[in-house]
Each structure stands twice: as structure tokens, then as C-alpha cells.
Amino acid sequence: MVRAFVAAEISAKDEILRVQNRISSYFINKDLKQVDKKNLHFTLLFFGEIDEQKIDLIKLKLADIKFHSFNFNYSLLDGFPDSSKSKIIFYGVQGIANYKFGILLDEIKSKIAYLKSNCKERFVPHLTLFRLRSGRLDLTPIRIQKDFMITKSDIINKICFKQSILTPTGPIYSDILSVNAQK
């Protein structure tokens, strides 16, 4: 069995890391697990554990996906289940980017409709920055502070089918397949 998902890659990882470091400093006494820079992405579709023989079928279908790159801006810092009681700290996207992520997800789902996935009914594009190991955080005091905002726009120009191996120190991701946006 292979733990796998489809992700949209980002390019503003240095900017994200800068803000992650500020958040870590602000919440210095909290039990935060920071997402490594190399693991930053938007999860589009999570499969969970799938049979190895399905990997080649999924690769074949995903390789046929056609999409155009798109620019987007990050929203304010947010959290799940909400910004005042956060277990997961993330950035969403602003405006029409929600729609563009939805179109990309629909394209992926249409190619692999024959597979059952653990995809939630409501898709919320988000880039996870931290997971809180215990307790909850109130992000309200920092959400609108400029030091905690991503001011650089970003671009989605590649999606990846990834394997995830869970380890005690965090997940290890490897690309099974990469698909670039059409020129």
C-alpha cells in the first residue's frame, strides 16, 4: 500500500518560510510542528492508502491532465477549525483563485472518477504552515498584522502525484509524477 495525494506546487516558499519563522517566534511557548519548506504545497486530492497496482493507472490518467497556470494571492492567516481555536495554521487564497483551484480539482477528479478517494465534499484550498500538537491557538491578534501576511503573489504551474511516508520526525514526500501547466 502507498499513501498518496495530488498537490499543487507553489513558488513563494522563501516568503512562506519567512512568515513561518515570525509565527514560531510569536508563539514561542506553544507546541507547534512546522511544515518543512520542501513540503509546502496545496493538497488537491488525498487518496490515503492505495494499492500499488493502482499507482500506474493513476499516473496514466493524471499525465493526461491539461491545465493553465494561474496566479493567486494568499488570504490572511487562518486556522482549522477556526482562527480563534486553531489546531492547524494555514494560508488560504483570495478571490477568483478559489474558483481556479476548484476547476483544477474538477479536472483531476474527472480523470480518476473510477477511483474512490477520501476527498471531502467541500474543498478549501489551503497551504498548511503548522500543526499544533496540543491545545489550541487564537490567531486573532496577529491575523491582520503586516508581518504575518504574504504580500507576494504566487503561481500554480505544476501539480504532482506524491507518495507520503510517515516517520516519527514528520512525513517524507516524493514525487511519483509531475505535470506542468500548458504553455
N, C-alpha and C. Protein backbone atom coordinates (compact mmCIF):
# COMPACT_ATOMS: atom_id res chain seq x y z
N MET A 1 0.85 -1.19 0.00
CA MET A 1 0.00 0.00 0.00
C MET A 1 0.89 1.25 0.00
N VAL A 2 0.42 2.25 -0.72
CA VAL A 2 1.14 3.51 -0.83
C VAL A 2 0.23 4.64 -0.37
N ARG A 3 0.70 5.47 0.54
CA ARG A 3 -0.04 6.66 0.97
C ARG A 3 0.25 7.75 -0.05
N ALA A 4 -0.81 8.26 -0.71
CA ALA A 4 -0.58 9.16 -1.83
C ALA A 4 -1.59 10.30 -1.88
N PHE A 5 -1.20 11.36 -2.58
CA PHE A 5 -2.07 12.52 -2.77
C PHE A 5 -1.62 13.30 -3.99
N VAL A 6 -2.47 14.22 -4.44
CA VAL A 6 -2.14 15.12 -5.55
C VAL A 6 -2.00 16.52 -4.96
N ALA A 7 -0.91 17.19 -5.31
CA ALA A 7 -0.62 18.51 -4.76
C ALA A 7 -0.36 19.52 -5.87
N ALA A 8 -0.68 20.78 -5.58
CA ALA A 8 -0.30 21.90 -6.44
C ALA A 8 0.93 22.53 -5.80
N GLU A 9 1.98 22.64 -6.58
CA GLU A 9 3.23 23.18 -6.08
C GLU A 9 3.20 24.71 -6.07
N ILE A 10 3.89 25.31 -5.11
CA ILE A 10 3.98 26.77 -5.02
C ILE A 10 5.42 27.21 -5.28
N SER A 11 5.59 28.51 -5.52
CA SER A 11 6.95 29.01 -5.76
C SER A 11 7.43 29.97 -4.67
N ALA A 12 6.54 30.51 -3.86
CA ALA A 12 6.91 31.52 -2.87
C ALA A 12 7.35 30.90 -1.54
N LYS A 13 8.10 29.81 -1.60
CA LYS A 13 8.47 29.10 -0.38
C LYS A 13 9.36 29.92 0.55
N ASP A 14 10.23 30.74 0.01
CA ASP A 14 11.08 31.58 0.87
C ASP A 14 10.25 32.60 1.64
N GLU A 15 9.26 33.18 0.98
CA GLU A 15 8.37 34.13 1.64
C GLU A 15 7.55 33.43 2.72
N ILE A 16 7.06 32.24 2.42
CA ILE A 16 6.29 31.48 3.41
C ILE A 16 7.17 31.14 4.61
N LEU A 17 8.40 30.72 4.36
CA LEU A 17 9.33 30.38 5.45
C LEU A 17 9.60 31.60 6.33
N ARG A 18 9.73 32.76 5.74
CA ARG A 18 9.95 33.99 6.50
C ARG A 18 8.80 34.21 7.49
N VAL A 19 7.58 34.04 7.03
CA VAL A 19 6.42 34.24 7.90
C VAL A 19 6.31 33.10 8.91
N GLN A 20 6.61 31.88 8.50
CA GLN A 20 6.61 30.76 9.47
C GLN A 20 7.54 31.06 10.64
N ASN A 21 8.72 31.60 10.35
CA ASN A 21 9.67 31.92 11.42
C ASN A 21 9.12 33.00 12.35
N ARG A 22 8.41 33.96 11.80
CA ARG A 22 7.79 35.00 12.65
C ARG A 22 6.69 34.42 13.53
N ILE A 23 5.91 33.52 12.96
CA ILE A 23 4.85 32.88 13.74
C ILE A 23 5.46 32.03 14.86
N SER A 24 6.51 31.29 14.54
CA SER A 24 7.20 30.48 15.57
C SER A 24 7.71 31.35 16.71
N SER A 25 8.26 32.50 16.36
CA SER A 25 8.78 33.42 17.38
C SER A 25 7.65 33.99 18.22
N TYR A 26 6.54 34.30 17.59
CA TYR A 26 5.39 34.88 18.31
C TYR A 26 4.80 33.87 19.28
N PHE A 27 4.69 32.62 18.85
CA PHE A 27 4.11 31.56 19.68
C PHE A 27 5.21 30.65 20.22
N ILE A 28 6.26 31.25 20.75
CA ILE A 28 7.47 30.53 21.15
C ILE A 28 7.21 29.41 22.17
N ASN A 29 6.24 29.59 23.05
CA ASN A 29 5.99 28.60 24.09
C ASN A 29 4.90 27.60 23.72
N LYS A 30 4.50 27.59 22.47
CA LYS A 30 3.45 26.66 22.03
C LYS A 30 4.09 25.45 21.34
N ASP A 31 3.36 24.36 21.36
CA ASP A 31 3.87 23.10 20.81
C ASP A 31 3.49 22.99 19.33
N LEU A 32 4.19 23.79 18.50
CA LEU A 32 3.91 23.84 17.07
C LEU A 32 4.81 22.88 16.30
N LYS A 33 4.23 22.19 15.33
CA LYS A 33 5.00 21.36 14.39
C LYS A 33 4.97 22.08 13.05
N GLN A 34 6.11 22.65 12.67
CA GLN A 34 6.21 23.43 11.45
C GLN A 34 6.35 22.52 10.23
N VAL A 35 5.61 22.84 9.16
CA VAL A 35 5.75 22.12 7.90
C VAL A 35 7.07 22.55 7.27
N ASP A 36 7.91 21.58 6.91
CA ASP A 36 9.20 21.87 6.27
C ASP A 36 9.00 22.61 4.96
N LYS A 37 9.93 23.49 4.66
CA LYS A 37 9.88 24.28 3.42
C LYS A 37 9.68 23.39 2.20
N LYS A 38 10.40 22.28 2.14
CA LYS A 38 10.32 21.40 0.97
C LYS A 38 8.95 20.72 0.85
N ASN A 39 8.17 20.69 1.93
CA ASN A 39 6.87 20.03 1.94
C ASN A 39 5.69 20.99 1.75
N LEU A 40 5.95 22.27 1.54
CA LEU A 40 4.87 23.24 1.38
C LEU A 40 4.18 23.04 0.04
N HIS A 41 2.84 22.91 0.06
CA HIS A 41 2.05 22.70 -1.14
C HIS A 41 0.57 22.87 -0.80
N PHE A 42 -0.26 22.91 -1.82
CA PHE A 42 -1.71 22.84 -1.65
C PHE A 42 -2.13 21.41 -1.97
N THR A 43 -2.73 20.71 -1.03
CA THR A 43 -3.24 19.37 -1.31
C THR A 43 -4.55 19.52 -2.08
N LEU A 44 -4.61 18.90 -3.24
CA LEU A 44 -5.81 18.95 -4.06
C LEU A 44 -6.70 17.73 -3.83
N LEU A 45 -6.07 16.56 -3.71
CA LEU A 45 -6.83 15.33 -3.54
C LEU A 45 -5.99 14.35 -2.75
N PHE A 46 -6.53 13.87 -1.65
CA PHE A 46 -5.83 12.91 -0.80
C PHE A 46 -6.43 11.53 -1.01
N PHE A 47 -5.61 10.58 -1.41
CA PHE A 47 -6.08 9.21 -1.63
C PHE A 47 -6.03 8.37 -0.37
N GLY A 48 -5.10 8.66 0.51
CA GLY A 48 -4.86 7.76 1.63
C GLY A 48 -4.04 6.59 1.13
N GLU A 49 -4.25 5.42 1.71
CA GLU A 49 -3.52 4.21 1.33
C GLU A 49 -4.17 3.59 0.10
N ILE A 50 -3.38 3.42 -0.97
CA ILE A 50 -3.90 2.80 -2.19
C ILE A 50 -3.00 1.65 -2.61
N ASP A 51 -3.58 0.69 -3.32
CA ASP A 51 -2.83 -0.46 -3.81
C ASP A 51 -1.77 -0.01 -4.81
N GLU A 52 -0.61 -0.65 -4.73
CA GLU A 52 0.49 -0.28 -5.63
C GLU A 52 0.14 -0.46 -7.10
N GLN A 53 -0.71 -1.45 -7.43
CA GLN A 53 -1.06 -1.64 -8.84
C GLN A 53 -1.91 -0.49 -9.38
N LYS A 54 -2.58 0.27 -8.50
CA LYS A 54 -3.36 1.42 -8.96
C LYS A 54 -2.48 2.63 -9.27
N ILE A 55 -1.27 2.62 -8.77
CA ILE A 55 -0.36 3.76 -8.98
C ILE A 55 -0.16 4.03 -10.47
N ASP A 56 0.13 2.97 -11.24
CA ASP A 56 0.36 3.16 -12.67
C ASP A 56 -0.88 3.66 -13.39
N LEU A 57 -2.06 3.18 -12.98
CA LEU A 57 -3.31 3.66 -13.58
C LEU A 57 -3.52 5.14 -13.28
N ILE A 58 -3.28 5.53 -12.05
CA ILE A 58 -3.44 6.94 -11.67
C ILE A 58 -2.43 7.81 -12.41
N LYS A 59 -1.19 7.34 -12.48
CA LYS A 59 -0.16 8.09 -13.23
C LYS A 59 -0.59 8.32 -14.67
N LEU A 60 -1.10 7.28 -15.30
CA LEU A 60 -1.53 7.37 -16.69
C LEU A 60 -2.64 8.42 -16.86
N LYS A 61 -3.60 8.40 -15.96
CA LYS A 61 -4.72 9.35 -16.04
C LYS A 61 -4.28 10.77 -15.72
N LEU A 62 -3.46 10.92 -14.69
CA LEU A 62 -3.01 12.27 -14.31
C LEU A 62 -2.08 12.89 -15.35
N ALA A 63 -1.31 12.06 -16.03
CA ALA A 63 -0.39 12.57 -17.05
C ALA A 63 -1.16 13.24 -18.19
N ASP A 64 -2.44 12.90 -18.33
CA ASP A 64 -3.27 13.43 -19.40
C ASP A 64 -3.97 14.75 -19.02
N ILE A 65 -3.76 15.21 -17.81
CA ILE A 65 -4.43 16.44 -17.36
C ILE A 65 -3.85 17.66 -18.08
N LYS A 66 -4.75 18.51 -18.52
CA LYS A 66 -4.38 19.76 -19.18
C LYS A 66 -4.90 20.91 -18.31
N PHE A 67 -4.01 21.80 -17.94
CA PHE A 67 -4.44 22.97 -17.18
C PHE A 67 -3.50 24.13 -17.49
N HIS A 68 -3.98 25.32 -17.23
CA HIS A 68 -3.19 26.53 -17.43
C HIS A 68 -2.71 27.02 -16.07
N SER A 69 -1.51 27.55 -16.06
CA SER A 69 -1.00 28.13 -14.81
C SER A 69 -1.89 29.30 -14.41
N PHE A 70 -1.90 29.60 -13.14
CA PHE A 70 -2.66 30.77 -12.67
C PHE A 70 -1.96 31.40 -11.48
N ASN A 71 -2.08 32.71 -11.41
CA ASN A 71 -1.53 33.47 -10.30
C ASN A 71 -2.59 33.60 -9.21
N PHE A 72 -2.13 33.78 -8.00
CA PHE A 72 -3.08 33.98 -6.90
C PHE A 72 -2.40 34.75 -5.79
N ASN A 73 -3.21 35.29 -4.90
CA ASN A 73 -2.73 35.95 -3.69
C ASN A 73 -3.20 35.15 -2.49
N TYR A 74 -2.37 35.11 -1.48
CA TYR A 74 -2.71 34.41 -0.25
C TYR A 74 -3.69 35.26 0.56
N SER A 75 -4.58 34.58 1.28
CA SER A 75 -5.50 35.27 2.19
C SER A 75 -4.79 35.54 3.50
N LEU A 76 -5.52 36.09 4.45
CA LEU A 76 -4.97 36.28 5.79
C LEU A 76 -4.69 34.93 6.43
N LEU A 77 -3.79 34.93 7.38
CA LEU A 77 -3.50 33.74 8.18
C LEU A 77 -4.82 33.23 8.75
N ASP A 78 -4.99 31.92 8.76
CA ASP A 78 -6.23 31.34 9.26
C ASP A 78 -5.93 30.02 9.96
N GLY A 79 -6.96 29.41 10.49
CA GLY A 79 -6.78 28.15 11.19
C GLY A 79 -8.01 27.27 11.11
N PHE A 80 -7.78 25.96 11.26
CA PHE A 80 -8.88 25.00 11.36
C PHE A 80 -8.97 24.59 12.82
N PRO A 81 -10.11 24.45 13.43
CA PRO A 81 -11.42 24.62 12.83
C PRO A 81 -11.80 26.09 12.60
N ASP A 82 -11.22 27.02 13.36
CA ASP A 82 -11.40 28.45 13.06
C ASP A 82 -10.22 29.22 13.64
N SER A 83 -10.10 30.49 13.28
CA SER A 83 -8.90 31.26 13.64
C SER A 83 -8.77 31.54 15.13
N SER A 84 -9.84 31.40 15.89
CA SER A 84 -9.74 31.65 17.33
C SER A 84 -9.47 30.38 18.14
N LYS A 85 -9.59 29.23 17.52
CA LYS A 85 -9.36 27.94 18.20
C LYS A 85 -8.62 26.99 17.26
N SER A 86 -7.46 27.41 16.81
CA SER A 86 -6.76 26.70 15.73
C SER A 86 -5.95 25.51 16.21
N LYS A 87 -6.09 24.40 15.49
CA LYS A 87 -5.23 23.23 15.63
C LYS A 87 -4.26 23.16 14.46
N ILE A 88 -4.70 23.72 13.31
CA ILE A 88 -3.89 23.78 12.09
C ILE A 88 -3.86 25.23 11.64
N ILE A 89 -2.65 25.73 11.36
CA ILE A 89 -2.47 27.11 10.90
C ILE A 89 -2.15 27.07 9.41
N PHE A 90 -2.85 27.89 8.64
CA PHE A 90 -2.70 27.84 7.19
C PHE A 90 -2.94 29.20 6.53
N TYR A 91 -2.59 29.26 5.25
CA TYR A 91 -3.00 30.36 4.38
C TYR A 91 -3.95 29.79 3.35
N GLY A 92 -5.02 30.52 3.11
CA GLY A 92 -5.93 30.21 2.02
C GLY A 92 -5.56 31.07 0.83
N VAL A 93 -6.50 31.23 -0.08
CA VAL A 93 -6.29 32.05 -1.26
C VAL A 93 -7.41 33.07 -1.37
N GLN A 94 -7.16 34.14 -2.11
CA GLN A 94 -8.13 35.21 -2.26
C GLN A 94 -8.85 35.15 -3.60
N GLY A 95 -10.08 35.62 -3.59
CA GLY A 95 -10.83 35.90 -4.81
C GLY A 95 -11.02 34.73 -5.75
N ILE A 96 -10.79 35.01 -7.03
CA ILE A 96 -11.06 34.04 -8.10
C ILE A 96 -10.17 32.80 -8.01
N ALA A 97 -9.11 32.88 -7.24
CA ALA A 97 -8.22 31.71 -7.09
C ALA A 97 -8.97 30.52 -6.51
N ASN A 98 -9.94 30.75 -5.62
CA ASN A 98 -10.75 29.64 -5.10
C ASN A 98 -11.42 28.90 -6.24
N TYR A 99 -11.95 29.64 -7.18
CA TYR A 99 -12.60 29.07 -8.36
C TYR A 99 -11.59 28.31 -9.21
N LYS A 100 -10.41 28.89 -9.43
CA LYS A 100 -9.39 28.24 -10.27
C LYS A 100 -8.88 26.95 -9.65
N PHE A 101 -8.71 26.94 -8.34
CA PHE A 101 -8.33 25.70 -7.66
C PHE A 101 -9.44 24.66 -7.82
N GLY A 102 -10.70 25.10 -7.72
CA GLY A 102 -11.83 24.20 -7.89
C GLY A 102 -11.88 23.59 -9.28
N ILE A 103 -11.60 24.40 -10.31
CA ILE A 103 -11.57 23.91 -11.70
C ILE A 103 -10.48 22.85 -11.85
N LEU A 104 -9.31 23.12 -11.27
CA LEU A 104 -8.20 22.17 -11.34
C LEU A 104 -8.57 20.86 -10.64
N LEU A 105 -9.18 20.95 -9.48
CA LEU A 105 -9.62 19.76 -8.76
C LEU A 105 -10.66 18.98 -9.57
N ASP A 106 -11.60 19.68 -10.18
CA ASP A 106 -12.61 19.01 -11.01
C ASP A 106 -11.96 18.26 -12.17
N GLU A 107 -10.94 18.86 -12.77
CA GLU A 107 -10.23 18.20 -13.88
C GLU A 107 -9.56 16.92 -13.38
N ILE A 108 -8.93 16.99 -12.22
CA ILE A 108 -8.28 15.80 -11.64
C ILE A 108 -9.32 14.72 -11.35
N LYS A 109 -10.41 15.11 -10.70
CA LYS A 109 -11.46 14.14 -10.36
C LYS A 109 -12.07 13.49 -11.61
N SER A 110 -12.23 14.28 -12.67
CA SER A 110 -12.82 13.72 -13.89
C SER A 110 -11.93 12.65 -14.50
N LYS A 111 -10.62 12.77 -14.32
CA LYS A 111 -9.69 11.78 -14.89
C LYS A 111 -9.64 10.50 -14.09
N ILE A 112 -9.93 10.60 -12.80
CA ILE A 112 -9.81 9.41 -11.95
C ILE A 112 -11.14 9.08 -11.25
N ALA A 113 -12.23 9.39 -11.92
CA ALA A 113 -13.56 9.19 -11.34
C ALA A 113 -13.83 7.75 -10.94
N TYR A 114 -13.17 6.81 -11.59
CA TYR A 114 -13.39 5.40 -11.30
C TYR A 114 -12.81 4.98 -9.93
N LEU A 115 -11.97 5.82 -9.36
CA LEU A 115 -11.38 5.51 -8.05
C LEU A 115 -12.16 6.19 -6.94
N LYS A 116 -12.27 5.52 -5.86
CA LYS A 116 -12.86 6.17 -4.69
C LYS A 116 -11.72 6.89 -3.97
N SER A 117 -11.99 8.11 -3.51
CA SER A 117 -10.97 8.85 -2.77
C SER A 117 -11.58 9.36 -1.47
N ASN A 118 -10.73 9.85 -0.62
CA ASN A 118 -11.18 10.41 0.65
C ASN A 118 -11.40 11.91 0.54
N CYS A 119 -11.75 12.38 -0.63
CA CYS A 119 -11.92 13.80 -0.86
C CYS A 119 -13.16 14.31 -0.13
N LYS A 120 -13.00 15.40 0.58
CA LYS A 120 -14.11 16.00 1.31
C LYS A 120 -15.08 16.63 0.31
N GLU A 121 -16.34 16.75 0.73
CA GLU A 121 -17.35 17.39 -0.11
C GLU A 121 -16.97 18.84 -0.42
N ARG A 122 -16.56 19.57 0.60
CA ARG A 122 -16.22 20.98 0.42
C ARG A 122 -14.71 21.13 0.40
N PHE A 123 -14.18 21.58 -0.72
CA PHE A 123 -12.74 21.76 -0.88
C PHE A 123 -12.37 23.19 -0.47
N VAL A 124 -11.42 23.32 0.44
CA VAL A 124 -10.92 24.62 0.86
C VAL A 124 -9.43 24.67 0.51
N PRO A 125 -9.07 25.41 -0.56
CA PRO A 125 -7.64 25.49 -0.89
C PRO A 125 -6.88 26.11 0.28
N HIS A 126 -5.88 25.40 0.75
CA HIS A 126 -5.10 25.93 1.87
C HIS A 126 -3.69 25.34 1.86
N LEU A 127 -2.77 26.14 2.36
CA LEU A 127 -1.37 25.77 2.48
C LEU A 127 -1.08 25.66 3.98
N THR A 128 -0.90 24.45 4.47
CA THR A 128 -0.67 24.24 5.90
C THR A 128 0.74 24.70 6.27
N LEU A 129 0.81 25.52 7.34
CA LEU A 129 2.08 26.03 7.85
C LEU A 129 2.53 25.28 9.10
N PHE A 130 1.56 25.01 9.98
CA PHE A 130 1.85 24.37 11.27
C PHE A 130 0.69 23.47 11.67
N ARG A 131 1.01 22.48 12.49
CA ARG A 131 0.02 21.71 13.21
C ARG A 131 0.35 21.89 14.69
N LEU A 132 -0.66 22.09 15.47
CA LEU A 132 -0.48 22.25 16.91
C LEU A 132 -0.58 20.87 17.54
N ARG A 133 0.46 20.46 18.26
CA ARG A 133 0.48 19.12 18.85
C ARG A 133 -0.48 19.00 20.02
N SER A 134 -0.66 20.08 20.77
CA SER A 134 -1.60 20.05 21.89
C SER A 134 -2.19 21.44 22.08
N GLY A 135 -3.40 21.47 22.60
CA GLY A 135 -4.07 22.74 22.83
C GLY A 135 -4.58 23.36 21.54
N ARG A 136 -4.91 24.64 21.64
CA ARG A 136 -5.40 25.42 20.50
C ARG A 136 -4.83 26.82 20.58
N LEU A 137 -4.75 27.47 19.42
CA LEU A 137 -4.21 28.84 19.35
C LEU A 137 -5.27 29.82 18.89
N ASP A 138 -5.19 31.03 19.42
CA ASP A 138 -6.02 32.13 18.94
C ASP A 138 -5.15 32.99 18.03
N LEU A 139 -5.44 32.96 16.74
CA LEU A 139 -4.67 33.72 15.76
C LEU A 139 -5.17 35.16 15.59
N THR A 140 -6.28 35.49 16.23
CA THR A 140 -6.90 36.80 16.06
C THR A 140 -5.92 37.96 16.25
N PRO A 141 -5.05 37.96 17.26
CA PRO A 141 -4.17 39.12 17.46
C PRO A 141 -3.16 39.37 16.32
N ILE A 142 -2.84 38.35 15.54
CA ILE A 142 -1.80 38.54 14.51
C ILE A 142 -2.32 38.48 13.08
N ARG A 143 -3.56 38.07 12.89
CA ARG A 143 -4.08 37.85 11.52
C ARG A 143 -3.92 39.06 10.61
N ILE A 144 -4.14 40.26 11.12
CA ILE A 144 -4.10 41.44 10.24
C ILE A 144 -2.81 42.24 10.37
N GLN A 145 -1.86 41.72 11.10
CA GLN A 145 -0.57 42.40 11.19
C GLN A 145 0.25 42.11 9.93
N LYS A 146 0.82 43.14 9.36
CA LYS A 146 1.56 43.03 8.10
C LYS A 146 2.69 41.99 8.17
N ASP A 147 3.35 41.87 9.32
CA ASP A 147 4.45 40.91 9.47
C ASP A 147 4.00 39.45 9.28
N PHE A 148 2.70 39.19 9.37
CA PHE A 148 2.19 37.83 9.26
C PHE A 148 1.39 37.62 7.97
N MET A 149 1.57 38.56 7.02
CA MET A 149 0.88 38.46 5.73
C MET A 149 1.88 38.08 4.64
N ILE A 150 1.38 37.36 3.65
CA ILE A 150 2.18 37.05 2.46
C ILE A 150 1.78 38.10 1.42
N THR A 151 2.71 38.98 1.10
CA THR A 151 2.39 40.08 0.18
C THR A 151 2.77 39.76 -1.26
N LYS A 152 3.58 38.74 -1.45
CA LYS A 152 3.99 38.33 -2.79
C LYS A 152 2.91 37.44 -3.41
N SER A 153 2.55 37.71 -4.67
CA SER A 153 1.61 36.79 -5.33
C SER A 153 2.39 35.53 -5.70
N ASP A 154 1.67 34.47 -5.95
CA ASP A 154 2.29 33.18 -6.26
C ASP A 154 1.67 32.62 -7.53
N ILE A 155 2.19 31.51 -7.99
CA ILE A 155 1.70 30.90 -9.22
C ILE A 155 1.61 29.39 -9.05
N ILE A 156 0.56 28.83 -9.62
CA ILE A 156 0.44 27.37 -9.70
C ILE A 156 0.73 27.01 -11.15
N ASN A 157 1.85 26.33 -11.37
CA ASN A 157 2.19 25.92 -12.74
C ASN A 157 2.62 24.45 -12.82
N LYS A 158 2.40 23.73 -11.69
CA LYS A 158 2.75 22.31 -11.68
C LYS A 158 1.92 21.61 -10.62
N ILE A 159 1.44 20.42 -10.98
CA ILE A 159 0.82 19.55 -9.98
C ILE A 159 1.66 18.28 -9.90
N CYS A 160 1.62 17.65 -8.73
CA CYS A 160 2.41 16.43 -8.52
C CYS A 160 1.56 15.37 -7.83
N PHE A 161 1.74 14.15 -8.29
CA PHE A 161 1.19 12.97 -7.63
C PHE A 161 2.31 12.53 -6.69
N LYS A 162 2.04 12.54 -5.38
CA LYS A 162 3.09 12.32 -4.40
C LYS A 162 2.83 11.10 -3.53
N GLN A 163 3.93 10.49 -3.12
CA GLN A 163 3.89 9.46 -2.09
C GLN A 163 4.26 10.14 -0.78
N SER A 164 3.60 9.70 0.29
CA SER A 164 3.89 10.22 1.62
C SER A 164 4.24 9.06 2.54
N ILE A 165 5.45 9.11 3.09
CA ILE A 165 5.88 8.11 4.07
C ILE A 165 5.92 8.80 5.42
N LEU A 166 5.12 8.31 6.36
CA LEU A 166 5.07 8.91 7.69
C LEU A 166 6.22 8.38 8.54
N THR A 167 6.93 9.32 9.19
CA THR A 167 8.02 8.95 10.09
C THR A 167 7.81 9.69 11.42
N PRO A 168 8.48 9.29 12.48
CA PRO A 168 8.35 10.00 13.76
C PRO A 168 8.76 11.47 13.69
N THR A 169 9.63 11.83 12.75
CA THR A 169 10.07 13.21 12.64
C THR A 169 9.27 14.02 11.62
N GLY A 170 8.28 13.38 11.00
CA GLY A 170 7.44 14.07 10.02
C GLY A 170 7.38 13.30 8.72
N PRO A 171 6.48 13.71 7.83
CA PRO A 171 6.32 12.98 6.58
C PRO A 171 7.48 13.23 5.61
N ILE A 172 7.73 12.23 4.79
CA ILE A 172 8.70 12.36 3.70
C ILE A 172 7.91 12.21 2.41
N TYR A 173 7.95 13.25 1.58
CA TYR A 173 7.22 13.24 0.31
C TYR A 173 8.18 12.99 -0.84
N SER A 174 7.71 12.21 -1.80
CA SER A 174 8.47 12.04 -3.04
C SER A 174 7.49 12.10 -4.20
N ASP A 175 7.93 12.67 -5.30
CA ASP A 175 7.10 12.80 -6.48
C ASP A 175 7.04 11.48 -7.24
N ILE A 176 5.82 11.04 -7.52
CA ILE A 176 5.60 9.87 -8.36
C ILE A 176 5.47 10.35 -9.81
N LEU A 177 4.82 11.51 -9.98
CA LEU A 177 4.60 12.10 -11.29
C LEU A 177 4.42 13.60 -11.13
N SER A 178 4.98 14.36 -12.06
CA SER A 178 4.78 15.82 -12.12
C SER A 178 4.13 16.16 -13.45
N VAL A 179 3.17 17.08 -13.42
CA VAL A 179 2.50 17.53 -14.62
C VAL A 179 2.59 19.05 -14.65
N ASN A 180 3.23 19.58 -15.69
CA ASN A 180 3.37 21.03 -15.83
C ASN A 180 2.17 21.62 -16.55
N ALA A 181 1.89 22.88 -16.23
CA ALA A 181 0.80 23.60 -16.90
C ALA A 181 1.14 23.75 -18.38
N GLN A 182 0.10 23.89 -19.19
CA GLN A 182 0.29 24.13 -20.61
C GLN A 182 0.87 25.51 -20.81
N LYS A 183 1.67 25.66 -21.84
CA LYS A 183 2.28 26.96 -22.15
C LYS A 183 1.30 27.84 -22.88
